[in-house]
Amino acid sequence: MGEDDVYTKDGRVVPIAEDEEVTKDGTVDYKGNPANKKVTGTWKACPFILGTECCERLAYYGMSSNLITYFKGHLHQSSAKAAKSNSNWSGTCYLTPLLGAFLADAYLGRYKTIAFFSVIYVIGMTLLTLSASIPGMKPTCVSKDDCYANSGQTAACFIALYLIALGTGGIKPCVSSYGADQFDDDDEVEKKHKGSFFNWFYFSINVGALIASSVLVWVQMNEGWSWGFGIPAVAMAIAVVSFFSGTRLYRNQQPGGSPLTRIIQVLVASVRKHKVIVPEDKSLLYEIADAESVIKGSRKLDHTNEFSFFDKAAVEEPTDHIKDSIDPWRLATVTQVEELKSIIRLLPVWATGIIFAAVYNQMSNFFVLQGTLMDLHVGKSSFEIPAASLSVFDTLSVIIWVPIYDQFIIPFARRFTGHKNGLTTLQRMGIGLFISIFSMVCAAILELIRLRSVKENNYYDWEHMPMSVFWQTPQYFLIGAAEVFTFIGQLDFFYDQAPDAMRSLCSALSLSTVALGNYFNSLLVTIVTNVTTKNNKPGWIPDNLNYGHLDYFFWMLAVLSILNLGAFLLIAQWYTYKKTVGSIR
């Protein structure tokens, strides 16, 4: 048997000369055999994954875009409480991916994780539809916007919502990584398409969001919430069908065991050997001789000089051996040490995403509440649109900017930078953080002008003041542009810089910035409300925003975004990109 022979699942050995078309990154097909390049992966498999994401996002945004209105109108919550309920639930949707990612990387693999959690997602969507449709489960309404929910009805709604949050936990961290798995990292021709995949992945998200923020929000406000939640439930069922339809075409990365266990082992071994001196010659550090690392389905990582304390875990001593095997709690390979270093290097970049996520969160919170007080008519017609439908301009911005970035910005930037993708992922993310500042500035200026008009014309108790809601368009459009740079760049960055066997976990880590951004926004609302309502003052965010100062809240986020951008620029200068060694096959 040759050194490079490929083993199939049934134990048959295929010489590499007869099997030149198998992938080199360790992926397997649905039967567990080495994936054949001609039959599996690339753009053959991606339409099913993109279709799944499009329908799942249609379901998610169709249900969540206008959720704050449901909290206020049907669950009878105050503006501040509705904003916090929305932020806390949305934050949980982006925190549960840590659980799904752990299961995918350690035990189940991405395919099984997506399949299992999709079922939970559909159950949650079905229960939410029932909670808004069945007498006794749905809130009691005196009029269209005057409803009351008892504790049982409120509980049914939130049980459904948090089942959905659990369901998203297995889908969100895995779908983007699963799509990227369809391109062989060790094939330069395939690898260059990976960046384009992330662009079109985000494009498909926003096609779903476009339908959700236009058609479904209108349905909720005009046809009722039973239809408004029922249609997203059907969309999620279609997403599941789309995913399973591509099973035979998918390439699957095999789970590499618990990444958290490996990280803890390196930490323990480093502490145990804290007095050990690391040799000057780093080639003396422990690493297995095989082409593949000890971690299943993972390439070796080259040694880097940062965080040298952890190199102590790879210094071999006689006491590291138990009979004929290595004690993993005393000795780790260089690759295992570099896995930990990779995660540590990602954390500062990760932290800068939290403020951006708090800015992004305004679209489903205070942008909507701001819009409900404005003129909702389209032109001079009698047709009114829901305030939440203005998020369609965020979606349109993304749909416009993705092909512009892919087809024009990348080739143009490449002339000056020489980088194959035009800009590095960190440069791309920084541009998005810069653009996001202007979204908050636009929102603050609009609210300042709106409040001045309220004061001058005594519109305080008007349901809708005579200022068109379409003045919100710039702030939505700017957030959409910022998304294309920051969120897509973040997806690409965390996938590319993650160790092979931790990619779902690192995708979940990037998504957790959205969770913490939501929680941070909820915390800000709580602090601002407590501080500004002292001495019986209405505060910045009263139930009737005409008496408040929402503009101050937007200015505060703009200042925080400027400080965050400064921190990001310092971190980006310091960052060291990972280096892989060889291929798996």
Foldseek 3Di string as FASTA:
>chain_A
DDQPWFAFPVRDTDRCVRQVQFFFLQWAALVRGGDGNVQAFDPVLLVLLLLLLLLLLLLVLLCQLQQLLCCCQAAVDFQLVSLLVSLQLLLLLLQLLLVLLQCQQAPDNLLVLLLVLLVLLLVLLVLLLCLCPPPVLGWAAPDPRHTHDDPNNVVSNVVSSVSNSNSSNNPQLRSLLQNLLSFRPPDVVRNLCNLVSLLVSVLSSLSSNLCSLAVLQQCCSPVHVSSSSVVSSVSSVVSSVSSVVSRRHGITQDRFHRLVVLLVLLVLQLVVQQVPDQDPPLVQFDFDPRQDGPGGSFFAFDADDPPCSSSSQRHDDPVQDDVPHGNSSNHDHRRSSVLNVLVVLCVLVLQLLQLLLLLVSCLSRVQQVVLQQAFQDDPPDPDGGRSSSLLSLLSVLSNVVSCCQVPPQQVVLCVVPVDNRSDQLLVLQLVLLVLSLVLLVLVLVVLVVVLVVCVVVVCQPPSHDHDYSCSNSVSSSSNSNSCSRNVSSLLVVQQQQHTSSSSSSSSSSSSSSSSSSSVVSSVVSVVQCVVQCPPNQCTQDHSRNSSHRVSVVSVVSSVVSVVSSVSSVVSVVVRDGIGGDHTND
